[in-house]
Full PDB file with SEQRES, HELIX, SHEET, SSBOND, CRYST1, ORIGX, SCALE, CONECT and MASTER records, all heavy atoms in Angstrom:
SEQRES   1 A   40  PHE SER VAL LEU GLU ASP THR VAL GLY ASN HIS PRO LEU          
SEQRES   2 A   40  LEU ASP PHE THR SER SER GLY LEU THR HIS SER TYR SER          
SEQRES   3 A   40  ASN PHE LYS GLY GLU ASP ASN PRO LEU ARG LYS GLY LYS          
SEQRES   4 A   40  VAL                                                          
SHEET    1 AA1 2 SER A   2  VAL A   8  0                                        
SHEET    2 AA1 2 HIS A  11  ASP A  15 -1                                        
CRYST1    1.000    1.000    1.000  90.00  90.00  90.00 P 1           1          
ORIGX1      1.000000  0.000000  0.000000        0.00000                         
ORIGX2      0.000000  1.000000  0.000000        0.00000                         
ORIGX3      0.000000  0.000000  1.000000        0.00000                         
SCALE1      1.000000  0.000000  0.000000        0.00000                         
SCALE2      0.000000  1.000000  0.000000        0.00000                         
SCALE3      0.000000  0.000000  1.000000        0.00000                         
ATOM      1  N   PHE A   1      -3.973  13.241  -7.984  1.00  0.00           N  
ATOM      2  CA  PHE A   1      -4.230  13.581  -6.589  1.00  0.00           C  
ATOM      3  C   PHE A   1      -5.688  14.002  -6.454  1.00  0.00           C  
ATOM      4  O   PHE A   1      -6.160  14.864  -7.199  1.00  0.00           O  
ATOM      5  CB  PHE A   1      -3.357  14.751  -6.128  1.00  0.00           C  
ATOM      6  CG  PHE A   1      -1.878  14.548  -6.319  1.00  0.00           C  
ATOM      7  CD1 PHE A   1      -1.156  15.402  -7.152  1.00  0.00           C  
ATOM      8  CD2 PHE A   1      -1.199  13.531  -5.669  1.00  0.00           C  
ATOM      9  CE1 PHE A   1       0.212  15.252  -7.323  1.00  0.00           C  
ATOM     10  CE2 PHE A   1       0.171  13.357  -5.839  1.00  0.00           C  
ATOM     11  CZ  PHE A   1       0.875  14.219  -6.665  1.00  0.00           C  
ATOM     12  N   SER A   2      -6.400  13.403  -5.496  1.00  0.00           N  
ATOM     13  CA  SER A   2      -7.751  13.838  -5.161  1.00  0.00           C  
ATOM     14  C   SER A   2      -7.744  14.233  -3.692  1.00  0.00           C  
ATOM     15  O   SER A   2      -7.249  13.473  -2.849  1.00  0.00           O  
ATOM     16  CB  SER A   2      -8.773  12.715  -5.393  1.00  0.00           C  
ATOM     17  OG  SER A   2      -8.740  12.258  -6.729  1.00  0.00           O  
ATOM     18  N   VAL A   3      -8.285  15.411  -3.377  1.00  0.00           N  
ATOM     19  CA  VAL A   3      -8.213  15.924  -2.004  1.00  0.00           C  
ATOM     20  C   VAL A   3      -9.580  16.394  -1.545  1.00  0.00           C  
ATOM     21  O   VAL A   3     -10.241  17.210  -2.209  1.00  0.00           O  
ATOM     22  CB  VAL A   3      -7.213  17.091  -1.890  1.00  0.00           C  
ATOM     23  CG1 VAL A   3      -7.150  17.596  -0.448  1.00  0.00           C  
ATOM     24  CG2 VAL A   3      -5.828  16.661  -2.358  1.00  0.00           C  
ATOM     25  N   LEU A   4     -10.008  15.878  -0.411  1.00  0.00           N  
ATOM     26  CA  LEU A   4     -11.207  16.332   0.290  1.00  0.00           C  
ATOM     27  C   LEU A   4     -10.711  17.253   1.389  1.00  0.00           C  
ATOM     28  O   LEU A   4     -10.089  16.798   2.355  1.00  0.00           O  
ATOM     29  CB  LEU A   4     -11.958  15.130   0.856  1.00  0.00           C  
ATOM     30  CG  LEU A   4     -13.405  15.286   1.299  1.00  0.00           C  
ATOM     31  CD1 LEU A   4     -14.288  15.786   0.164  1.00  0.00           C  
ATOM     32  CD2 LEU A   4     -13.936  13.964   1.828  1.00  0.00           C  
ATOM     33  N   GLU A   5     -10.967  18.541   1.263  1.00  0.00           N  
ATOM     34  CA  GLU A   5     -10.335  19.521   2.150  1.00  0.00           C  
ATOM     35  C   GLU A   5     -11.233  19.903   3.324  1.00  0.00           C  
ATOM     36  O   GLU A   5     -12.387  20.260   3.137  1.00  0.00           O  
ATOM     37  CB  GLU A   5      -9.969  20.773   1.361  1.00  0.00           C  
ATOM     38  CG  GLU A   5      -8.939  20.516   0.273  1.00  0.00           C  
ATOM     39  CD  GLU A   5      -8.477  21.791  -0.397  1.00  0.00           C  
ATOM     40  OE1 GLU A   5      -7.655  22.493   0.189  1.00  0.00           O  
ATOM     41  OE2 GLU A   5      -8.950  22.050  -1.510  1.00  0.00           O  
ATOM     42  N   ASP A   6     -10.638  19.826   4.535  1.00  0.00           N  
ATOM     43  CA  ASP A   6     -11.249  20.369   5.758  1.00  0.00           C  
ATOM     44  C   ASP A   6     -12.654  19.839   6.041  1.00  0.00           C  
ATOM     45  O   ASP A   6     -13.463  20.511   6.670  1.00  0.00           O  
ATOM     46  CB  ASP A   6     -11.308  21.909   5.679  1.00  0.00           C  
ATOM     47  CG  ASP A   6      -9.933  22.513   5.504  1.00  0.00           C  
ATOM     48  OD1 ASP A   6      -8.984  21.961   6.076  1.00  0.00           O  
ATOM     49  OD2 ASP A   6      -9.820  23.521   4.795  1.00  0.00           O  
ATOM     50  N   THR A   7     -12.954  18.646   5.567  1.00  0.00           N  
ATOM     51  CA  THR A   7     -14.270  18.080   5.851  1.00  0.00           C  
ATOM     52  C   THR A   7     -14.166  16.756   6.599  1.00  0.00           C  
ATOM     53  O   THR A   7     -15.162  16.230   7.055  1.00  0.00           O  
ATOM     54  CB  THR A   7     -15.067  17.846   4.550  1.00  0.00           C  
ATOM     55  OG1 THR A   7     -14.286  17.020   3.679  1.00  0.00           O  
ATOM     56  CG2 THR A   7     -15.370  19.151   3.855  1.00  0.00           C  
ATOM     57  N   VAL A   8     -12.964  16.221   6.725  1.00  0.00           N  
ATOM     58  CA  VAL A   8     -12.746  14.988   7.481  1.00  0.00           C  
ATOM     59  C   VAL A   8     -11.858  15.341   8.668  1.00  0.00           C  
ATOM     60  O   VAL A   8     -10.644  15.491   8.527  1.00  0.00           O  
ATOM     61  CB  VAL A   8     -12.079  13.900   6.623  1.00  0.00           C  
ATOM     62  CG1 VAL A   8     -11.875  12.629   7.447  1.00  0.00           C  
ATOM     63  CG2 VAL A   8     -12.936  13.589   5.407  1.00  0.00           C  
ATOM     64  N   GLY A   9     -12.479  15.543   9.848  1.00  0.00           N  
ATOM     65  CA  GLY A   9     -11.728  16.047  10.975  1.00  0.00           C  
ATOM     66  C   GLY A   9     -11.266  17.453  10.638  1.00  0.00           C  
ATOM     67  O   GLY A   9     -11.959  18.241  10.005  1.00  0.00           O  
ATOM     68  N   ASN A  10     -10.064  17.802  11.048  1.00  0.00           N  
ATOM     69  CA  ASN A  10      -9.505  19.113  10.717  1.00  0.00           C  
ATOM     70  C   ASN A  10      -8.378  18.994   9.709  1.00  0.00           C  
ATOM     71  O   ASN A  10      -7.582  19.917   9.557  1.00  0.00           O  
ATOM     72  CB  ASN A  10      -8.987  19.787  11.994  1.00  0.00           C  
ATOM     73  CG  ASN A  10     -10.107  20.077  12.976  1.00  0.00           C  
ATOM     74  OD1 ASN A  10     -11.154  20.563  12.586  1.00  0.00           O  
ATOM     75  ND2 ASN A  10      -9.885  19.773  14.246  1.00  0.00           N  
ATOM     76  N   HIS A  11      -8.304  17.870   9.015  1.00  0.00           N  
ATOM     77  CA  HIS A  11      -7.196  17.608   8.116  1.00  0.00           C  
ATOM     78  C   HIS A  11      -7.702  17.344   6.699  1.00  0.00           C  
ATOM     79  O   HIS A  11      -8.790  16.811   6.505  1.00  0.00           O  
ATOM     80  CB  HIS A  11      -6.400  16.384   8.583  1.00  0.00           C  
ATOM     81  CG  HIS A  11      -5.981  16.437  10.013  1.00  0.00           C  
ATOM     82  ND1 HIS A  11      -5.047  17.321  10.479  1.00  0.00           N  
ATOM     83  CD2 HIS A  11      -6.389  15.717  11.086  1.00  0.00           C  
ATOM     84  CE1 HIS A  11      -4.885  17.145  11.776  1.00  0.00           C  
ATOM     85  NE2 HIS A  11      -5.680  16.189  12.171  1.00  0.00           N  
ATOM     86  N   PRO A  12      -6.910  17.694   5.691  1.00  0.00           N  
ATOM     87  CA  PRO A  12      -7.273  17.295   4.328  1.00  0.00           C  
ATOM     88  C   PRO A  12      -7.167  15.782   4.184  1.00  0.00           C  
ATOM     89  O   PRO A  12      -6.346  15.145   4.839  1.00  0.00           O  
ATOM     90  CB  PRO A  12      -6.221  18.006   3.473  1.00  0.00           C  
ATOM     91  CG  PRO A  12      -5.036  18.177   4.381  1.00  0.00           C  
ATOM     92  CD  PRO A  12      -5.607  18.395   5.748  1.00  0.00           C  
ATOM     93  N   LEU A  13      -8.018  15.214   3.354  1.00  0.00           N  
ATOM     94  CA  LEU A  13      -7.965  13.779   3.072  1.00  0.00           C  
ATOM     95  C   LEU A  13      -7.502  13.600   1.628  1.00  0.00           C  
ATOM     96  O   LEU A  13      -8.204  13.972   0.684  1.00  0.00           O  
ATOM     97  CB  LEU A  13      -9.331  13.124   3.278  1.00  0.00           C  
ATOM     98  CG  LEU A  13      -9.390  11.608   3.023  1.00  0.00           C  
ATOM     99  CD1 LEU A  13      -8.432  10.854   3.939  1.00  0.00           C  
ATOM    100  CD2 LEU A  13     -10.811  11.083   3.191  1.00  0.00           C  
ATOM    101  N   LEU A  14      -6.307  13.044   1.472  1.00  0.00           N  
ATOM    102  CA  LEU A  14      -5.701  12.844   0.155  1.00  0.00           C  
ATOM    103  C   LEU A  14      -5.863  11.404  -0.297  1.00  0.00           C  
ATOM    104  O   LEU A  14      -5.584  10.476   0.457  1.00  0.00           O  
ATOM    105  CB  LEU A  14      -4.207  13.190   0.219  1.00  0.00           C  
ATOM    106  CG  LEU A  14      -3.331  12.721  -0.963  1.00  0.00           C  
ATOM    107  CD1 LEU A  14      -3.688  13.472  -2.243  1.00  0.00           C  
ATOM    108  CD2 LEU A  14      -1.850  12.884  -0.634  1.00  0.00           C  
ATOM    109  N   ASP A  15      -6.305  11.233  -1.534  1.00  0.00           N  
ATOM    110  CA  ASP A  15      -6.250   9.947  -2.230  1.00  0.00           C  
ATOM    111  C   ASP A  15      -5.237  10.108  -3.352  1.00  0.00           C  
ATOM    112  O   ASP A  15      -5.498  10.785  -4.348  1.00  0.00           O  
ATOM    113  CB  ASP A  15      -7.631   9.573  -2.777  1.00  0.00           C  
ATOM    114  CG  ASP A  15      -7.634   8.252  -3.540  1.00  0.00           C  
ATOM    115  OD1 ASP A  15      -6.595   7.564  -3.564  1.00  0.00           O  
ATOM    116  OD2 ASP A  15      -8.695   7.911  -4.119  1.00  0.00           O  
ATOM    117  N   PHE A  16      -4.071   9.496  -3.160  1.00  0.00           N  
ATOM    118  CA  PHE A  16      -2.983   9.561  -4.140  1.00  0.00           C  
ATOM    119  C   PHE A  16      -3.041   8.288  -4.964  1.00  0.00           C  
ATOM    120  O   PHE A  16      -2.759   7.201  -4.477  1.00  0.00           O  
ATOM    121  CB  PHE A  16      -1.654   9.700  -3.402  1.00  0.00           C  
ATOM    122  CG  PHE A  16      -0.433   9.887  -4.272  1.00  0.00           C  
ATOM    123  CD1 PHE A  16       0.801  10.162  -3.682  1.00  0.00           C  
ATOM    124  CD2 PHE A  16      -0.465   9.790  -5.667  1.00  0.00           C  
ATOM    125  CE1 PHE A  16       1.950  10.338  -4.459  1.00  0.00           C  
ATOM    126  CE2 PHE A  16       0.663   9.965  -6.449  1.00  0.00           C  
ATOM    127  CZ  PHE A  16       1.876  10.237  -5.831  1.00  0.00           C  
ATOM    128  N   THR A  17      -3.432   8.422  -6.232  1.00  0.00           N  
ATOM    129  CA  THR A  17      -3.506   7.288  -7.149  1.00  0.00           C  
ATOM    130  C   THR A  17      -2.237   7.232  -7.982  1.00  0.00           C  
ATOM    131  O   THR A  17      -1.869   8.216  -8.631  1.00  0.00           O  
ATOM    132  CB  THR A  17      -4.717   7.416  -8.089  1.00  0.00           C  
ATOM    133  OG1 THR A  17      -5.917   7.499  -7.313  1.00  0.00           O  
ATOM    134  CG2 THR A  17      -4.807   6.221  -9.030  1.00  0.00           C  
ATOM    135  N   SER A  18      -1.550   6.079  -7.953  1.00  0.00           N  
ATOM    136  CA  SER A  18      -0.350   5.883  -8.770  1.00  0.00           C  
ATOM    137  C   SER A  18      -0.503   4.602  -9.574  1.00  0.00           C  
ATOM    138  O   SER A  18      -0.508   3.504  -9.042  1.00  0.00           O  
ATOM    139  CB  SER A  18       0.900   5.796  -7.887  1.00  0.00           C  
ATOM    140  OG  SER A  18       2.059   5.653  -8.681  1.00  0.00           O  
ATOM    141  N   SER A  19      -0.622   4.770 -10.920  1.00  0.00           N  
ATOM    142  CA  SER A  19      -0.879   3.630 -11.802  1.00  0.00           C  
ATOM    143  C   SER A  19      -0.650   4.095 -13.241  1.00  0.00           C  
ATOM    144  O   SER A  19      -1.118   5.176 -13.612  1.00  0.00           O  
ATOM    145  CB  SER A  19      -2.327   3.183 -11.602  1.00  0.00           C  
ATOM    146  OG  SER A  19      -2.722   2.220 -12.529  1.00  0.00           O  
ATOM    147  N   GLY A  20       0.048   3.367 -14.077  1.00  0.00           N  
ATOM    148  CA  GLY A  20       0.673   2.108 -13.853  1.00  0.00           C  
ATOM    149  C   GLY A  20       2.173   2.165 -14.127  1.00  0.00           C  
ATOM    150  O   GLY A  20       2.705   3.116 -14.698  1.00  0.00           O  
ATOM    151  N   LEU A  21       2.787   1.071 -13.792  1.00  0.00           N  
ATOM    152  CA  LEU A  21       4.236   0.965 -13.884  1.00  0.00           C  
ATOM    153  C   LEU A  21       4.725   0.573 -15.284  1.00  0.00           C  
ATOM    154  O   LEU A  21       5.735   1.074 -15.757  1.00  0.00           O  
ATOM    155  CB  LEU A  21       4.726  -0.052 -12.859  1.00  0.00           C  
ATOM    156  CG  LEU A  21       4.628   0.402 -11.394  1.00  0.00           C  
ATOM    157  CD1 LEU A  21       4.750  -0.788 -10.464  1.00  0.00           C  
ATOM    158  CD2 LEU A  21       5.691   1.442 -11.092  1.00  0.00           C  
ATOM    159  N   THR A  22       4.030  -0.341 -15.940  1.00  0.00           N  
ATOM    160  CA  THR A  22       4.474  -0.805 -17.256  1.00  0.00           C  
ATOM    161  C   THR A  22       3.598  -0.315 -18.404  1.00  0.00           C  
ATOM    162  O   THR A  22       4.002  -0.389 -19.569  1.00  0.00           O  
ATOM    163  CB  THR A  22       4.512  -2.347 -17.312  1.00  0.00           C  
ATOM    164  OG1 THR A  22       3.196  -2.863 -17.026  1.00  0.00           O  
ATOM    165  CG2 THR A  22       5.507  -2.903 -16.303  1.00  0.00           C  
ATOM    166  N   HIS A  23       2.411   0.166 -18.112  1.00  0.00           N  
ATOM    167  CA  HIS A  23       1.493   0.593 -19.161  1.00  0.00           C  
ATOM    168  C   HIS A  23       0.549   1.640 -18.574  1.00  0.00           C  
ATOM    169  O   HIS A  23       0.405   1.749 -17.353  1.00  0.00           O  
ATOM    170  CB  HIS A  23       0.700  -0.600 -19.712  1.00  0.00           C  
ATOM    171  CG  HIS A  23      -0.060  -1.352 -18.667  1.00  0.00           C  
ATOM    172  ND1 HIS A  23       0.554  -2.100 -17.684  1.00  0.00           N  
ATOM    173  CD2 HIS A  23      -1.388  -1.474 -18.440  1.00  0.00           C  
ATOM    174  CE1 HIS A  23      -0.364  -2.650 -16.902  1.00  0.00           C  
ATOM    175  NE2 HIS A  23      -1.543  -2.283 -17.338  1.00  0.00           N  
ATOM    176  N   SER A  24      -0.100   2.398 -19.448  1.00  0.00           N  
ATOM    177  CA  SER A  24      -0.931   3.499 -18.966  1.00  0.00           C  
ATOM    178  C   SER A  24      -2.114   3.727 -19.902  1.00  0.00           C  
ATOM    179  O   SER A  24      -2.194   3.157 -20.993  1.00  0.00           O  
ATOM    180  CB  SER A  24      -0.094   4.772 -18.843  1.00  0.00           C  
ATOM    181  OG  SER A  24       0.432   5.140 -20.108  1.00  0.00           O  
ATOM    182  N   TYR A  25      -3.016   4.576 -19.443  1.00  0.00           N  
ATOM    183  CA  TYR A  25      -4.231   4.945 -20.169  1.00  0.00           C  
ATOM    184  C   TYR A  25      -3.846   6.018 -21.192  1.00  0.00           C  
ATOM    185  O   TYR A  25      -4.191   7.181 -21.067  1.00  0.00           O  
ATOM    186  CB  TYR A  25      -5.240   5.471 -19.153  1.00  0.00           C  
ATOM    187  CG  TYR A  25      -6.657   5.655 -19.613  1.00  0.00           C  
ATOM    188  CD1 TYR A  25      -7.647   6.012 -18.694  1.00  0.00           C  
ATOM    189  CD2 TYR A  25      -7.043   5.482 -20.940  1.00  0.00           C  
ATOM    190  CE1 TYR A  25      -8.962   6.203 -19.073  1.00  0.00           C  
ATOM    191  CE2 TYR A  25      -8.351   5.668 -21.336  1.00  0.00           C  
ATOM    192  CZ  TYR A  25      -9.308   6.034 -20.390  1.00  0.00           C  
ATOM    193  OH  TYR A  25     -10.615   6.219 -20.781  1.00  0.00           O  
ATOM    194  N   SER A  26      -3.125   5.595 -22.231  1.00  0.00           N  
ATOM    195  CA  SER A  26      -2.490   6.537 -23.156  1.00  0.00           C  
ATOM    196  C   SER A  26      -3.500   7.340 -23.974  1.00  0.00           C  
ATOM    197  O   SER A  26      -3.201   8.460 -24.404  1.00  0.00           O  
ATOM    198  CB  SER A  26      -1.536   5.794 -24.099  1.00  0.00           C  
ATOM    199  OG  SER A  26      -2.223   4.772 -24.811  1.00  0.00           O  
ATOM    200  N   ASN A  27      -4.704   6.806 -24.183  1.00  0.00           N  
ATOM    201  CA  ASN A  27      -5.702   7.538 -24.967  1.00  0.00           C  
ATOM    202  C   ASN A  27      -6.707   8.265 -24.071  1.00  0.00           C  
ATOM    203  O   ASN A  27      -7.823   8.557 -24.476  1.00  0.00           O  
ATOM    204  CB  ASN A  27      -6.435   6.603 -25.930  1.00  0.00           C  
ATOM    205  CG  ASN A  27      -7.184   5.494 -25.203  1.00  0.00           C  
ATOM    206  OD1 ASN A  27      -6.954   5.261 -24.012  1.00  0.00           O  
ATOM    207  ND2 ASN A  27      -8.081   4.805 -25.904  1.00  0.00           N  
ATOM    208  N   PHE A  28      -6.296   8.560 -22.835  1.00  0.00           N  
ATOM    209  CA  PHE A  28      -7.152   9.281 -21.891  1.00  0.00           C  
ATOM    210  C   PHE A  28      -7.572  10.627 -22.469  1.00  0.00           C  
ATOM    211  O   PHE A  28      -6.747  11.404 -22.943  1.00  0.00           O  
ATOM    212  CB  PHE A  28      -6.390   9.486 -20.577  1.00  0.00           C  
ATOM    213  CG  PHE A  28      -7.133  10.287 -19.545  1.00  0.00           C  
ATOM    214  CD1 PHE A  28      -8.098   9.693 -18.740  1.00  0.00           C  
ATOM    215  CD2 PHE A  28      -6.856  11.630 -19.367  1.00  0.00           C  
ATOM    216  CE1 PHE A  28      -8.768  10.435 -17.781  1.00  0.00           C  
ATOM    217  CE2 PHE A  28      -7.523  12.379 -18.400  1.00  0.00           C  
ATOM    218  CZ  PHE A  28      -8.476  11.780 -17.608  1.00  0.00           C  
ATOM    219  N   LYS A  29      -8.875  10.900 -22.426  1.00  0.00           N  
ATOM    220  CA  LYS A  29      -9.397  12.151 -22.975  1.00  0.00           C  
ATOM    221  C   LYS A  29     -10.029  13.037 -21.910  1.00  0.00           C  
ATOM    222  O   LYS A  29     -10.504  14.121 -22.204  1.00  0.00           O  
ATOM    223  CB  LYS A  29     -10.453  11.842 -24.061  1.00  0.00           C  
ATOM    224  CG  LYS A  29      -9.901  11.096 -25.270  1.00  0.00           C  
ATOM    225  CD  LYS A  29      -8.889  11.934 -26.031  1.00  0.00           C  
ATOM    226  CE  LYS A  29      -8.509  11.297 -27.355  1.00  0.00           C  
ATOM    227  NZ  LYS A  29      -7.843   9.989 -27.224  1.00  0.00           N  
ATOM    228  N   GLY A  30     -10.062  12.555 -20.681  1.00  0.00           N  
ATOM    229  CA  GLY A  30     -10.656  13.352 -19.612  1.00  0.00           C  
ATOM    230  C   GLY A  30     -11.819  12.648 -18.941  1.00  0.00           C  
ATOM    231  O   GLY A  30     -12.499  11.822 -19.559  1.00  0.00           O  
ATOM    232  N   GLU A  31     -12.035  12.959 -17.655  1.00  0.00           N  
ATOM    233  CA  GLU A  31     -13.171  12.446 -16.904  1.00  0.00           C  
ATOM    234  C   GLU A  31     -13.387  13.354 -15.701  1.00  0.00           C  
ATOM    235  O   GLU A  31     -12.467  14.022 -15.229  1.00  0.00           O  
ATOM    236  CB  GLU A  31     -12.940  11.003 -16.442  1.00  0.00           C  
ATOM    237  CG  GLU A  31     -11.747  10.835 -15.524  1.00  0.00           C  
ATOM    238  CD  GLU A  31     -11.420   9.372 -15.238  1.00  0.00           C  
ATOM    239  OE1 GLU A  31     -11.643   8.528 -16.119  1.00  0.00           O  
ATOM    240  OE2 GLU A  31     -10.930   9.091 -14.133  1.00  0.00           O  
ATOM    241  N   ASP A  32     -14.613  13.399 -15.204  1.00  0.00           N  
ATOM    242  CA  ASP A  32     -14.954  14.280 -14.092  1.00  0.00           C  
ATOM    243  C   ASP A  32     -14.349  13.776 -12.782  1.00  0.00           C  
ATOM    244  O   ASP A  32     -14.417  12.583 -12.466  1.00  0.00           O  
ATOM    245  CB  ASP A  32     -16.474  14.378 -13.938  1.00  0.00           C  
ATOM    246  CG  ASP A  32     -17.132  15.113 -15.095  1.00  0.00           C  
ATOM    247  OD1 ASP A  32     -16.437  15.925 -15.730  1.00  0.00           O  
ATOM    248  OD2 ASP A  32     -18.322  14.864 -15.359  1.00  0.00           O  
ATOM    249  N   ASN A  33     -13.758  14.691 -12.059  1.00  0.00           N  
ATOM    250  CA  ASN A  33     -13.297  14.444 -10.694  1.00  0.00           C  
ATOM    251  C   ASN A  33     -13.180  15.802 -10.016  1.00  0.00           C  
ATOM    252  O   ASN A  33     -12.142  16.454 -10.096  1.00  0.00           O  
ATOM    253  CB  ASN A  33     -11.957  13.711 -10.677  1.00  0.00           C  
ATOM    254  CG  ASN A  33     -11.437  13.488  -9.255  1.00  0.00           C  
ATOM    255  OD1 ASN A  33     -12.136  13.779  -8.275  1.00  0.00           O  
ATOM    256  ND2 ASN A  33     -10.231  12.989  -9.139  1.00  0.00           N  
ATOM    257  N   PRO A  34     -14.229  16.258  -9.347  1.00  0.00           N  
ATOM    258  CA  PRO A  34     -14.212  17.595  -8.747  1.00  0.00           C  
ATOM    259  C   PRO A  34     -13.185  17.755  -7.635  1.00  0.00           C  
ATOM    260  O   PRO A  34     -12.879  18.886  -7.239  1.00  0.00           O  
ATOM    261  CB  PRO A  34     -15.640  17.757  -8.202  1.00  0.00           C  
ATOM    262  CG  PRO A  34     -16.174  16.377  -8.081  1.00  0.00           C  
ATOM    263  CD  PRO A  34     -15.527  15.581  -9.163  1.00  0.00           C  
ATOM    264  N   LEU A  35     -12.630  16.653  -7.129  1.00  0.00           N  
ATOM    265  CA  LEU A  35     -11.654  16.723  -6.044  1.00  0.00           C  
ATOM    266  C   LEU A  35     -10.214  16.682  -6.547  1.00  0.00           C  
ATOM    267  O   LEU A  35      -9.282  16.693  -5.742  1.00  0.00           O  
ATOM    268  CB  LEU A  35     -11.886  15.568  -5.058  1.00  0.00           C  
ATOM    269  CG  LEU A  35     -13.276  15.505  -4.408  1.00  0.00           C  
ATOM    270  CD1 LEU A  35     -13.360  14.318  -3.458  1.00  0.00           C  
ATOM    271  CD2 LEU A  35     -13.594  16.800  -3.677  1.00  0.00           C  
ATOM    272  N   ARG A  36     -10.016  16.651  -7.859  1.00  0.00           N  
ATOM    273  CA  ARG A  36      -8.671  16.532  -8.417  1.00  0.00           C  
ATOM    274  C   ARG A  36      -7.857  17.797  -8.178  1.00  0.00           C  
ATOM    275  O   ARG A  36      -8.349  18.910  -8.317  1.00  0.00           O  
ATOM    276  CB  ARG A  36      -8.758  16.251  -9.916  1.00  0.00           C  
ATOM    277  CG  ARG A  36      -7.389  16.079 -10.596  1.00  0.00           C  
ATOM    278  CD  ARG A  36      -7.545  15.850 -12.087  1.00  0.00           C  
ATOM    279  NE  ARG A  36      -8.316  14.650 -12.358  1.00  0.00           N  
ATOM    280  CZ  ARG A  36      -9.365  14.604 -13.171  1.00  0.00           C  
ATOM    281  NH1 ARG A  36      -9.780  15.696 -13.786  1.00  0.00           N  
ATOM    282  NH2 ARG A  36     -10.008  13.472 -13.361  1.00  0.00           N  
ATOM    283  N   LYS A  37      -6.594  17.589  -7.811  1.00  0.00           N  
ATOM    284  CA  LYS A  37      -5.624  18.671  -7.697  1.00  0.00           C  
ATOM    285  C   LYS A  37      -4.532  18.442  -8.746  1.00  0.00           C  
ATOM    286  O   LYS A  37      -3.912  17.385  -8.769  1.00  0.00           O  
ATOM    287  CB  LYS A  37      -5.002  18.706  -6.302  1.00  0.00           C  
ATOM    288  CG  LYS A  37      -5.992  18.963  -5.180  1.00  0.00           C  
ATOM    289  CD  LYS A  37      -6.570  20.367  -5.261  1.00  0.00           C  
ATOM    290  CE  LYS A  37      -7.512  20.632  -4.107  1.00  0.00           C  
ATOM    291  NZ  LYS A  37      -8.126  21.987  -4.182  1.00  0.00           N  
ATOM    292  N   GLY A  38      -4.305  19.436  -9.591  1.00  0.00           N  
ATOM    293  CA  GLY A  38      -3.324  19.269 -10.654  1.00  0.00           C  
ATOM    294  C   GLY A  38      -3.930  18.521 -11.828  1.00  0.00           C  
ATOM    295  O   GLY A  38      -5.146  18.427 -11.984  1.00  0.00           O  
ATOM    296  N   LYS A  39      -3.065  17.927 -12.629  1.00  0.00           N  
ATOM    297  CA  LYS A  39      -3.527  17.261 -13.841  1.00  0.00           C  
ATOM    298  C   LYS A  39      -3.431  15.746 -13.707  1.00  0.00           C  
ATOM    299  O   LYS A  39      -2.717  15.215 -12.854  1.00  0.00           O  
ATOM    300  CB  LYS A  39      -2.708  17.719 -15.046  1.00  0.00           C  
ATOM    301  CG  LYS A  39      -1.243  17.305 -15.002  1.00  0.00           C  
ATOM    302  CD  LYS A  39      -0.495  17.806 -16.229  1.00  0.00           C  
ATOM    303  CE  LYS A  39       0.968  17.353 -16.202  1.00  0.00           C  
ATOM    304  NZ  LYS A  39       1.731  17.844 -17.372  1.00  0.00           N  
ATOM    305  N   VAL A  40      -4.142  15.061 -14.563  1.00  0.00           N  
ATOM    306  CA  VAL A  40      -4.042  13.607 -14.646  1.00  0.00           C  
ATOM    307  C   VAL A  40      -2.789  13.238 -15.420  1.00  0.00           C  
ATOM    308  O   VAL A  40      -2.508  13.806 -16.483  1.00  0.00           O  
ATOM    309  CB  VAL A  40      -5.281  13.007 -15.350  1.00  0.00           C  
ATOM    310  CG1 VAL A  40      -5.105  11.517 -15.586  1.00  0.00           C  
ATOM    311  CG2 VAL A  40      -6.533  13.263 -14.525  1.00  0.00           C  
TER     312      VAL A  40                                                      
MASTER        0    0    0    0    2    0    0    6  311    1    0    4          
END                                                                             
């Protein structure tokens, strides 16, 4: 979940990324995302 809060109109702007269904980034070690809410 990435959220831009209270800067687009008067509402939060959510980018909900859902990926993937059959395979995933299993060796993920981290990356910068200052707008992330929760964990990857």
